[in-house]
PDB file of all heavy atoms in Angstrom:
ATOM      1  N   PHE A   1     160.166 212.681-103.040  1.00  0.00           N
ATOM      2  CA  PHE A   1     161.363 212.590-103.892  1.00  0.00           C
ATOM      3  C   PHE A   1     161.913 213.985-104.154  1.00  0.00           C
ATOM      4  O   PHE A   1     163.122 214.226-104.048  1.00  0.00           O
ATOM      5  CB  PHE A   1     161.018 211.889-105.203  1.00  0.00           C
ATOM      6  CG  PHE A   1     162.156 211.874-106.191  1.00  0.00           C
ATOM      7  CD1 PHE A   1     163.187 210.962-106.060  1.00  0.00           C
ATOM      8  CD2 PHE A   1     162.191 212.781-107.248  1.00  0.00           C
ATOM      9  CE1 PHE A   1     164.244 210.946-106.966  1.00  0.00           C
ATOM     10  CE2 PHE A   1     163.244 212.776-108.152  1.00  0.00           C
ATOM     11  CZ  PHE A   1     164.272 211.855-108.010  1.00  0.00           C
ATOM     12  N   ALA A   2     161.006 214.921-104.459  1.00  0.00           N
ATOM     13  CA  ALA A   2     161.430 216.300-104.696  1.00  0.00           C
ATOM     14  C   ALA A   2     161.968 216.943-103.419  1.00  0.00           C
ATOM     15  O   ALA A   2     162.959 217.688-103.456  1.00  0.00           O
ATOM     16  CB  ALA A   2     160.258 217.114-105.252  1.00  0.00           C
ATOM     17  N   ARG A   3     161.343 216.654-102.287  1.00  0.00           N
ATOM     18  CA  ARG A   3     161.813 217.228-101.024  1.00  0.00           C
ATOM     19  C   ARG A   3     163.219 216.718-100.680  1.00  0.00           C
ATOM     20  O   ARG A   3     164.052 217.485-100.186  1.00  0.00           O
ATOM     21  CB  ARG A   3     160.829 216.874 -99.894  1.00  0.00           C
ATOM     22  CG  ARG A   3     159.529 217.661 -99.949  1.00  0.00           C
ATOM     23  CD  ARG A   3     158.565 217.209 -98.861  1.00  0.00           C
ATOM     24  NE  ARG A   3     159.081 217.476 -97.526  1.00  0.00           N
ATOM     25  CZ  ARG A   3     158.925 218.618 -96.874  1.00  0.00           C
ATOM     26  NH1 ARG A   3     158.268 219.626 -97.438  1.00  0.00           N
ATOM     27  NH2 ARG A   3     159.408 218.770 -95.649  1.00  0.00           N
ATOM     28  N   ARG A   4     163.471 215.436-100.919  1.00  0.00           N
ATOM     29  CA  ARG A   4     164.818 214.919-100.662  1.00  0.00           C
ATOM     30  C   ARG A   4     165.850 215.607-101.535  1.00  0.00           C
ATOM     31  O   ARG A   4     166.963 215.899-101.087  1.00  0.00           O
ATOM     32  CB  ARG A   4     164.848 213.399-100.893  1.00  0.00           C
ATOM     33  CG  ARG A   4     164.209 212.579 -99.799  1.00  0.00           C
ATOM     34  CD  ARG A   4     164.591 211.113 -99.906  1.00  0.00           C
ATOM     35  NE  ARG A   4     164.218 210.539-101.190  1.00  0.00           N
ATOM     36  CZ  ARG A   4     163.019 210.011-101.452  1.00  0.00           C
ATOM     37  NH1 ARG A   4     162.090 209.975-100.520  1.00  0.00           N
ATOM     38  NH2 ARG A   4     162.768 209.482-102.642  1.00  0.00           N
ATOM     39  N   ARG A   5     165.498 215.860-102.801  1.00  0.00           N
ATOM     40  CA  ARG A   5     166.429 216.534-103.693  1.00  0.00           C
ATOM     41  C   ARG A   5     166.745 217.947-103.208  1.00  0.00           C
ATOM     42  O   ARG A   5     167.826 218.479-103.488  1.00  0.00           O
ATOM     43  CB  ARG A   5     165.840 216.603-105.111  1.00  0.00           C
ATOM     44  CG  ARG A   5     165.642 215.254-105.780  1.00  0.00           C
ATOM     45  CD  ARG A   5     166.975 214.595-106.117  1.00  0.00           C
ATOM     46  NE  ARG A   5     167.724 215.341-107.102  1.00  0.00           N
ATOM     47  CZ  ARG A   5     167.627 215.146-108.420  1.00  0.00           C
ATOM     48  NH1 ARG A   5     166.822 214.203-108.885  1.00  0.00           N
ATOM     49  NH2 ARG A   5     168.349 215.849-109.255  1.00  0.00           N
ATOM     50  N   CYS A   6     165.791 218.525-102.469  1.00  0.00           N
ATOM     51  CA  CYS A   6     165.981 219.883-101.931  1.00  0.00           C
ATOM     52  C   CYS A   6     166.546 219.874-100.512  1.00  0.00           C
ATOM     53  O   CYS A   6     166.661 220.934 -99.882  1.00  0.00           O
ATOM     54  CB  CYS A   6     164.658 220.645-101.942  1.00  0.00           C
ATOM     55  SG  CYS A   6     163.977 220.931-103.598  1.00  0.00           S
ATOM     56  N   GLY A   7     166.875 218.677 -99.989  1.00  0.00           N
ATOM     57  CA  GLY A   7     167.436 218.580 -98.654  1.00  0.00           C
ATOM     58  C   GLY A   7     166.416 218.727 -97.542  1.00  0.00           C
ATOM     59  O   GLY A   7     166.788 219.023 -96.399  1.00  0.00           O
ATOM     60  N   LEU A   8     165.140 218.505 -97.838  1.00  0.00           N
ATOM     61  CA  LEU A   8     164.080 218.661 -96.841  1.00  0.00           C
ATOM     62  C   LEU A   8     163.712 217.312 -96.239  1.00  0.00           C
ATOM     63  O   LEU A   8     163.888 216.263 -96.856  1.00  0.00           O
ATOM     64  CB  LEU A   8     162.840 219.301 -97.478  1.00  0.00           C
ATOM     65  CG  LEU A   8     163.040 220.692 -98.076  1.00  0.00           C
ATOM     66  CD1 LEU A   8     161.764 221.156 -98.778  1.00  0.00           C
ATOM     67  CD2 LEU A   8     163.451 221.701 -97.002  1.00  0.00           C
ATOM     68  N   ARG A   9     163.163 217.346 -95.021  1.00  0.00           N
ATOM     69  CA  ARG A   9     162.763 216.132 -94.328  1.00  0.00           C
ATOM     70  C   ARG A   9     161.502 215.542 -94.937  1.00  0.00           C
ATOM     71  O   ARG A   9     160.749 216.225 -95.627  1.00  0.00           O
ATOM     72  CB  ARG A   9     162.513 216.421 -92.834  1.00  0.00           C
ATOM     73  CG  ARG A   9     163.758 216.784 -92.052  1.00  0.00           C
ATOM     74  CD  ARG A   9     163.375 217.266 -90.657  1.00  0.00           C
ATOM     75  NE  ARG A   9     162.695 216.234 -89.905  1.00  0.00           N
ATOM     76  CZ  ARG A   9     163.236 215.554 -88.916  1.00  0.00           C
ATOM     77  NH1 ARG A   9     164.474 215.806 -88.544  1.00  0.00           N
ATOM     78  NH2 ARG A   9     162.559 214.636 -88.275  1.00  0.00           N
ATOM     79  N   TYR A  10     161.276 214.266 -94.606  1.00  0.00           N
ATOM     80  CA  TYR A  10     160.067 213.585 -95.053  1.00  0.00           C
ATOM     81  C   TYR A  10     158.831 214.251 -94.463  1.00  0.00           C
ATOM     82  O   TYR A  10     158.800 214.637 -93.291  1.00  0.00           O
ATOM     83  CB  TYR A  10     160.111 212.119 -94.634  1.00  0.00           C
ATOM     84  CG  TYR A  10     158.847 211.359 -94.980  1.00  0.00           C
ATOM     85  CD1 TYR A  10     158.644 210.852 -96.252  1.00  0.00           C
ATOM     86  CD2 TYR A  10     157.842 211.169 -94.024  1.00  0.00           C
ATOM     87  CE1 TYR A  10     157.478 210.170 -96.584  1.00  0.00           C
ATOM     88  CE2 TYR A  10     156.675 210.490 -94.343  1.00  0.00           C
ATOM     89  CZ  TYR A  10     156.504 209.999 -95.622  1.00  0.00           C
ATOM     90  OH  TYR A  10     155.347 209.325 -95.946  1.00  0.00           O
ATOM     91  N   TRP A  11     157.792 214.394 -95.290  1.00  0.00           N
ATOM     92  CA  TRP A  11     156.509 214.951 -94.852  1.00  0.00           C
ATOM     93  C   TRP A  11     155.402 214.181 -95.560  1.00  0.00           C
ATOM     94  O   TRP A  11     155.454 213.967 -96.771  1.00  0.00           O
ATOM     95  CB  TRP A  11     156.422 216.436 -95.201  1.00  0.00           C
ATOM     96  CG  TRP A  11     155.125 217.076 -94.801  1.00  0.00           C
ATOM     97  CD1 TRP A  11     154.738 217.462 -93.547  1.00  0.00           C
ATOM     98  CD2 TRP A  11     154.029 217.404 -95.675  1.00  0.00           C
ATOM     99  NE1 TRP A  11     153.475 218.009 -93.582  1.00  0.00           N
ATOM    100  CE2 TRP A  11     153.014 217.985 -94.865  1.00  0.00           C
ATOM    101  CE3 TRP A  11     153.809 217.263 -97.038  1.00  0.00           C
ATOM    102  CZ2 TRP A  11     151.809 218.429 -95.399  1.00  0.00           C
ATOM    103  CZ3 TRP A  11     152.598 217.698 -97.578  1.00  0.00           C
ATOM    104  CH2 TRP A  11     151.623 218.271 -96.751  1.00  0.00           C
ATOM    105  N   SER A  12     154.395 213.746 -94.787  1.00  0.00           N
ATOM    106  CA  SER A  12     153.360 212.881 -95.341  1.00  0.00           C
ATOM    107  C   SER A  12     152.185 213.701 -95.877  1.00  0.00           C
ATOM    108  O   SER A  12     151.372 214.230 -95.115  1.00  0.00           O
ATOM    109  CB  SER A  12     152.856 211.896 -94.277  1.00  0.00           C
ATOM    110  OG  SER A  12     151.801 211.123 -94.819  1.00  0.00           O
ATOM    111  N   LEU A  13     152.101 213.785 -97.195  1.00  0.00           N
ATOM    112  CA  LEU A  13     150.949 214.409 -97.834  1.00  0.00           C
ATOM    113  C   LEU A  13     149.684 213.611 -97.543  1.00  0.00           C
ATOM    114  O   LEU A  13     148.623 214.179 -97.277  1.00  0.00           O
ATOM    115  CB  LEU A  13     151.188 214.490 -99.344  1.00  0.00           C
ATOM    116  CG  LEU A  13     149.992 214.908-100.206  1.00  0.00           C
ATOM    117  CD1 LEU A  13     149.582 216.349 -99.895  1.00  0.00           C
ATOM    118  CD2 LEU A  13     150.305 214.742-101.695  1.00  0.00           C
ATOM    119  N   ALA A  14     149.799 212.273 -97.585  1.00  0.00           N
ATOM    120  CA  ALA A  14     148.630 211.416 -97.363  1.00  0.00           C
ATOM    121  C   ALA A  14     148.048 211.644 -95.970  1.00  0.00           C
ATOM    122  O   ALA A  14     146.825 211.754 -95.789  1.00  0.00           O
ATOM    123  CB  ALA A  14     149.014 209.956 -97.552  1.00  0.00           C
ATOM    124  N   GLU A  15     148.909 211.716 -94.960  1.00  0.00           N
ATOM    125  CA  GLU A  15     148.431 211.929 -93.600  1.00  0.00           C
ATOM    126  C   GLU A  15     147.784 213.298 -93.459  1.00  0.00           C
ATOM    127  O   GLU A  15     146.745 213.447 -92.802  1.00  0.00           O
ATOM    128  CB  GLU A  15     149.592 211.793 -92.614  1.00  0.00           C
ATOM    129  CG  GLU A  15     149.164 211.866 -91.159  1.00  0.00           C
ATOM    130  CD  GLU A  15     150.312 211.572 -90.209  1.00  0.00           C
ATOM    131  OE1 GLU A  15     151.413 211.235 -90.669  1.00  0.00           O
ATOM    132  OE2 GLU A  15     150.082 211.681 -88.987  1.00  0.00           O
ATOM    133  N   PHE A  16     148.369 214.308 -94.096  1.00  0.00           N
ATOM    134  CA  PHE A  16     147.807 215.660 -94.050  1.00  0.00           C
ATOM    135  C   PHE A  16     146.401 215.693 -94.643  1.00  0.00           C
ATOM    136  O   PHE A  16     145.470 216.264 -94.058  1.00  0.00           O
ATOM    137  CB  PHE A  16     148.720 216.621 -94.811  1.00  0.00           C
ATOM    138  CG  PHE A  16     148.148 218.004 -94.983  1.00  0.00           C
ATOM    139  CD1 PHE A  16     148.227 218.934 -93.962  1.00  0.00           C
ATOM    140  CD2 PHE A  16     147.538 218.371 -96.179  1.00  0.00           C
ATOM    141  CE1 PHE A  16     147.693 220.208 -94.114  1.00  0.00           C
ATOM    142  CE2 PHE A  16     147.008 219.631 -96.343  1.00  0.00           C
ATOM    143  CZ  PHE A  16     147.083 220.560 -95.309  1.00  0.00           C
ATOM    144  N   LEU A  17     146.229 215.048 -95.798  1.00  0.00           N
ATOM    145  CA  LEU A  17     144.926 215.060 -96.450  1.00  0.00           C
ATOM    146  C   LEU A  17     143.884 214.284 -95.645  1.00  0.00           C
ATOM    147  O   LEU A  17     142.725 214.704 -95.546  1.00  0.00           O
ATOM    148  CB  LEU A  17     145.047 214.483 -97.865  1.00  0.00           C
ATOM    149  CG  LEU A  17     145.849 215.334 -98.854  1.00  0.00           C
ATOM    150  CD1 LEU A  17     145.998 214.600-100.182  1.00  0.00           C
ATOM    151  CD2 LEU A  17     145.195 216.693 -99.063  1.00  0.00           C
ATOM    152  N   LYS A  18     144.297 213.159 -95.059  1.00  0.00           N
ATOM    153  CA  LYS A  18     143.349 212.382 -94.259  1.00  0.00           C
ATOM    154  C   LYS A  18     142.884 213.154 -93.036  1.00  0.00           C
ATOM    155  O   LYS A  18     141.710 213.061 -92.641  1.00  0.00           O
ATOM    156  CB  LYS A  18     143.974 211.048 -93.841  1.00  0.00           C
ATOM    157  CG  LYS A  18     144.024 210.020 -94.953  1.00  0.00           C
ATOM    158  CD  LYS A  18     144.190 208.602 -94.439  1.00  0.00           C
ATOM    159  CE  LYS A  18     145.477 208.392 -93.711  1.00  0.00           C
ATOM    160  NZ  LYS A  18     145.689 206.967 -93.343  1.00  0.00           N
ATOM    161  N   ARG A  19     143.792 213.907 -92.423  1.00  0.00           N
ATOM    162  CA  ARG A  19     143.417 214.677 -91.238  1.00  0.00           C
ATOM    163  C   ARG A  19     142.445 215.804 -91.576  1.00  0.00           C
ATOM    164  O   ARG A  19     141.785 216.344 -90.687  1.00  0.00           O
ATOM    165  CB  ARG A  19     144.659 215.232 -90.544  1.00  0.00           C
ATOM    166  CG  ARG A  19     145.488 214.175 -89.833  1.00  0.00           C
ATOM    167  CD  ARG A  19     146.602 214.761 -89.014  1.00  0.00           C
ATOM    168  NE  ARG A  19     147.405 213.729 -88.392  1.00  0.00           N
ATOM    169  CZ  ARG A  19     147.089 213.106 -87.260  1.00  0.00           C
ATOM    170  NH1 ARG A  19     145.974 213.432 -86.631  1.00  0.00           N
ATOM    171  NH2 ARG A  19     147.882 212.175 -86.760  1.00  0.00           N
ATOM    172  N   HIS A  20     142.359 216.165 -92.842  1.00  0.00           N
ATOM    173  CA  HIS A  20     141.442 217.223 -93.264  1.00  0.00           C
ATOM    174  C   HIS A  20     140.233 216.664 -94.008  1.00  0.00           C
ATOM    175  O   HIS A  20     139.511 217.400 -94.667  1.00  0.00           O
ATOM    176  CB  HIS A  20     142.183 218.241 -94.138  1.00  0.00           C
ATOM    177  CG  HIS A  20     143.155 219.086 -93.373  1.00  0.00           C
ATOM    178  ND1 HIS A  20     144.403 218.635 -92.990  1.00  0.00           N
ATOM    179  CD2 HIS A  20     143.048 220.361 -92.891  1.00  0.00           C
ATOM    180  CE1 HIS A  20     145.030 219.587 -92.330  1.00  0.00           C
ATOM    181  NE2 HIS A  20     144.244 220.635 -92.247  1.00  0.00           N
ATOM    182  N   SER A  21     140.036 215.355 -93.887  1.00  0.00           N
ATOM    183  CA  SER A  21     138.875 214.709 -94.495  1.00  0.00           C
ATOM    184  C   SER A  21     137.924 214.254 -93.402  1.00  0.00           C
ATOM    185  O   SER A  21     138.286 213.429 -92.555  1.00  0.00           O
ATOM    186  CB  SER A  21     139.325 213.508 -95.339  1.00  0.00           C
ATOM    187  OG  SER A  21     138.220 212.683 -95.653  1.00  0.00           O
ATOM    188  N   GLY A  22     136.708 214.773 -93.424  1.00  0.00           N
ATOM    189  CA  GLY A  22     135.717 214.379 -92.431  1.00  0.00           C
ATOM    190  C   GLY A  22     135.388 212.907 -92.511  1.00  0.00           C
ATOM    191  O   GLY A  22     135.232 212.234 -91.482  1.00  0.00           O
ATOM    192  N   ALA A  23     135.301 212.357 -93.740  1.00  0.00           N
ATOM    193  CA  ALA A  23     134.975 210.939 -93.896  1.00  0.00           C
ATOM    194  C   ALA A  23     136.086 210.067 -93.324  1.00  0.00           C
ATOM    195  O   ALA A  23     135.820 209.054 -92.660  1.00  0.00           O
ATOM    196  CB  ALA A  23     134.756 210.619 -95.376  1.00  0.00           C
ATOM    197  N   ALA A  24     137.345 210.443 -93.572  1.00  0.00           N
ATOM    198  CA  ALA A  24     138.465 209.664 -93.045  1.00  0.00           C
ATOM    199  C   ALA A  24     138.487 209.705 -91.524  1.00  0.00           C
ATOM    200  O   ALA A  24     138.731 208.690 -90.864  1.00  0.00           O
ATOM    201  CB  ALA A  24     139.784 210.195 -93.612  1.00  0.00           C
ATOM    202  N   GLU A  25     138.223 210.867 -90.954  1.00  0.00           N
ATOM    203  CA  GLU A  25     138.231 210.992 -89.496  1.00  0.00           C
ATOM    204  C   GLU A  25     137.112 210.176 -88.861  1.00  0.00           C
ATOM    205  O   GLU A  25     137.304 209.571 -87.801  1.00  0.00           O
ATOM    206  CB  GLU A  25     138.115 212.464 -89.099  1.00  0.00           C
ATOM    207  CG  GLU A  25     139.344 213.298 -89.428  1.00  0.00           C
ATOM    208  CD  GLU A  25     140.588 212.799 -88.720  1.00  0.00           C
ATOM    209  OE1 GLU A  25     140.532 212.541 -87.502  1.00  0.00           O
ATOM    210  OE2 GLU A  25     141.620 212.636 -89.403  1.00  0.00           O
ATOM    211  N   ARG A  26     135.961 210.121 -89.501  1.00  0.00           N
ATOM    212  CA  ARG A  26     134.850 209.321 -88.961  1.00  0.00           C
ATOM    213  C   ARG A  26     135.186 207.833 -89.030  1.00  0.00           C
ATOM    214  O   ARG A  26     134.877 207.074 -88.099  1.00  0.00           O
ATOM    215  CB  ARG A  26     133.560 209.617 -89.729  1.00  0.00           C
ATOM    216  CG  ARG A  26     132.983 210.994 -89.444  1.00  0.00           C
ATOM    217  CD  ARG A  26     131.584 211.143 -90.018  1.00  0.00           C
ATOM    218  NE  ARG A  26     131.590 211.113 -91.469  1.00  0.00           N
ATOM    219  CZ  ARG A  26     131.771 212.176 -92.250  1.00  0.00           C
ATOM    220  NH1 ARG A  26     131.978 213.378 -91.703  1.00  0.00           N
ATOM    221  NH2 ARG A  26     131.740 212.092 -93.565  1.00  0.00           N
ATOM    222  N   TYR A  27     135.823 207.411 -90.124  1.00  0.00           N
ATOM    223  CA  TYR A  27     136.245 206.012 -90.242  1.00  0.00           C
ATOM    224  C   TYR A  27     137.245 205.653 -89.148  1.00  0.00           C
ATOM    225  O   TYR A  27     137.135 204.597 -88.503  1.00  0.00           O
ATOM    226  CB  TYR A  27     136.851 205.780 -91.622  1.00  0.00           C
ATOM    227  CG  TYR A  27     137.672 204.516 -91.717  1.00  0.00           C
ATOM    228  CD1 TYR A  27     137.058 203.266 -91.749  1.00  0.00           C
ATOM    229  CD2 TYR A  27     139.061 204.564 -91.761  1.00  0.00           C
ATOM    230  CE1 TYR A  27     137.806 202.098 -91.824  1.00  0.00           C
ATOM    231  CE2 TYR A  27     139.817 203.404 -91.836  1.00  0.00           C
ATOM    232  CZ  TYR A  27     139.183 202.182 -91.865  1.00  0.00           C
ATOM    233  OH  TYR A  27     139.922 201.036 -91.931  1.00  0.00           O
ATOM    234  N   ILE A  28     138.224 206.516 -88.924  1.00  0.00           N
ATOM    235  CA  ILE A  28     139.239 206.252 -87.905  1.00  0.00           C
ATOM    236  C   ILE A  28     138.604 206.210 -86.524  1.00  0.00           C
ATOM    237  O   ILE A  28     138.955 205.364 -85.691  1.00  0.00           O
ATOM    238  CB  ILE A  28     140.357 207.307 -87.993  1.00  0.00           C
ATOM    239  CG1 ILE A  28     141.161 207.094 -89.277  1.00  0.00           C
ATOM    240  CG2 ILE A  28     141.265 207.247 -86.768  1.00  0.00           C
ATOM    241  CD1 ILE A  28     142.078 208.239 -89.630  1.00  0.00           C
ATOM    242  N   ALA A  29     137.648 207.095 -86.256  1.00  0.00           N
ATOM    243  CA  ALA A  29     136.965 207.090 -84.959  1.00  0.00           C
ATOM    244  C   ALA A  29     136.224 205.773 -84.741  1.00  0.00           C
ATOM    245  O   ALA A  29     136.229 205.211 -83.631  1.00  0.00           O
ATOM    246  CB  ALA A  29     135.998 208.268 -84.876  1.00  0.00           C
ATOM    247  N   ARG A  30     135.593 205.227 -85.795  1.00  0.00           N
ATOM    248  CA  ARG A  30     134.901 203.933 -85.672  1.00  0.00           C
ATOM    249  C   ARG A  30     135.896 202.820 -85.400  1.00  0.00           C
ATOM    250  O   ARG A  30     135.622 201.901 -84.608  1.00  0.00           O
ATOM    251  CB  ARG A  30     134.101 203.627 -86.952  1.00  0.00           C
ATOM    252  CG  ARG A  30     132.932 204.548 -87.219  1.00  0.00           C
ATOM    253  CD  ARG A  30     131.993 203.968 -88.269  1.00  0.00           C
ATOM    254  NE  ARG A  30     132.642 203.723 -89.547  1.00  0.00           N
ATOM    255  CZ  ARG A  30     132.746 204.619 -90.525  1.00  0.00           C
ATOM    256  NH1 ARG A  30     132.238 205.831 -90.360  1.00  0.00           N
ATOM    257  NH2 ARG A  30     133.332 204.315 -91.668  1.00  0.00           N
ATOM    258  N   PHE A  31     137.057 202.891 -86.050  1.00  0.00           N
ATOM    259  CA  PHE A  31     138.079 201.864 -85.849  1.00  0.00           C
ATOM    260  C   PHE A  31     138.597 201.894 -84.414  1.00  0.00           C
ATOM    261  O   PHE A  31     138.738 200.843 -83.774  1.00  0.00           O
ATOM    262  CB  PHE A  31     139.227 202.084 -86.830  1.00  0.00           C
ATOM    263  CG  PHE A  31     140.315 201.057 -86.730  1.00  0.00           C
ATOM    264  CD1 PHE A  31     140.245 199.879 -87.452  1.00  0.00           C
ATOM    265  CD2 PHE A  31     141.409 201.259 -85.904  1.00  0.00           C
ATOM    266  CE1 PHE A  31     141.251 198.919 -87.357  1.00  0.00           C
ATOM    267  CE2 PHE A  31     142.412 200.313 -85.801  1.00  0.00           C
ATOM    268  CZ  PHE A  31     142.328 199.141 -86.522  1.00  0.00           C
ATOM    269  N   VAL A  32     138.896 203.082 -83.904  1.00  0.00           N
ATOM    270  CA  VAL A  32     139.383 203.209 -82.526  1.00  0.00           C
ATOM    271  C   VAL A  32     138.355 202.650 -81.552  1.00  0.00           C
ATOM    272  O   VAL A  32     138.694 201.880 -80.643  1.00  0.00           O
ATOM    273  CB  VAL A  32     139.692 204.685 -82.197  1.00  0.00           C
ATOM    274  CG1 VAL A  32     140.006 204.839 -80.705  1.00  0.00           C
ATOM    275  CG2 VAL A  32     140.862 205.193 -83.034  1.00  0.00           C
ATOM    276  N   GLU A  33     137.103 202.993 -81.748  1.00  0.00           N
ATOM    277  CA  GLU A  33     136.045 202.507 -80.856  1.00  0.00           C
ATOM    278  C   GLU A  33     135.950 200.979 -80.901  1.00  0.00           C
ATOM    279  O   GLU A  33     135.819 200.323 -79.859  1.00  0.00           O
ATOM    280  CB  GLU A  33     134.712 203.121 -81.252  1.00  0.00           C
ATOM    281  CG  GLU A  33     133.558 202.731 -80.337  1.00  0.00           C
ATOM    282  CD  GLU A  33     132.249 203.408 -80.715  1.00  0.00           C
ATOM    283  OE1 GLU A  33     132.220 204.138 -81.722  1.00  0.00           O
ATOM    284  OE2 GLU A  33     131.257 203.192 -79.994  1.00  0.00           O
ATOM    285  N   ALA A  34     136.045 200.403 -82.103  1.00  0.00           N
ATOM    286  CA  ALA A  34     135.968 198.947 -82.230  1.00  0.00           C
ATOM    287  C   ALA A  34     137.135 198.272 -81.528  1.00  0.00           C
ATOM    288  O   ALA A  34     136.967 197.248 -80.849  1.00  0.00           O
ATOM    289  CB  ALA A  34     135.934 198.553 -83.705  1.00  0.00           C
ATOM    290  N   GLY A  35     138.342 198.826 -81.673  1.00  0.00           N
ATOM    291  CA  GLY A  35     139.510 198.243 -81.032  1.00  0.00           C
ATOM    292  C   GLY A  35     139.455 198.326 -79.519  1.00  0.00           C
ATOM    293  O   GLY A  35     139.769 197.350 -78.813  1.00  0.00           O
ATOM    294  N   VAL A  36     139.071 199.481 -79.002  1.00  0.00           N
ATOM    295  CA  VAL A  36     138.974 199.660 -77.554  1.00  0.00           C
ATOM    296  C   VAL A  36     137.889 198.754 -76.974  1.00  0.00           C
ATOM    297  O   VAL A  36     138.070 198.139 -75.918  1.00  0.00           O
ATOM    298  CB  VAL A  36     138.705 201.138 -77.221  1.00  0.00           C
ATOM    299  CG1 VAL A  36     138.354 201.314 -75.745  1.00  0.00           C
ATOM    300  CG2 VAL A  36     139.937 201.995 -77.565  1.00  0.00           C
TER     301      VAL A  36
END
């Protein structure tokens, strides 16, 4: 909301934090393996 008020593009804080979480990355790796 603040970025839009400043004329900035959308940026995902949630995605940034997940990519820097070891637990989240391990969960995603298990999901990818299960799907494949």
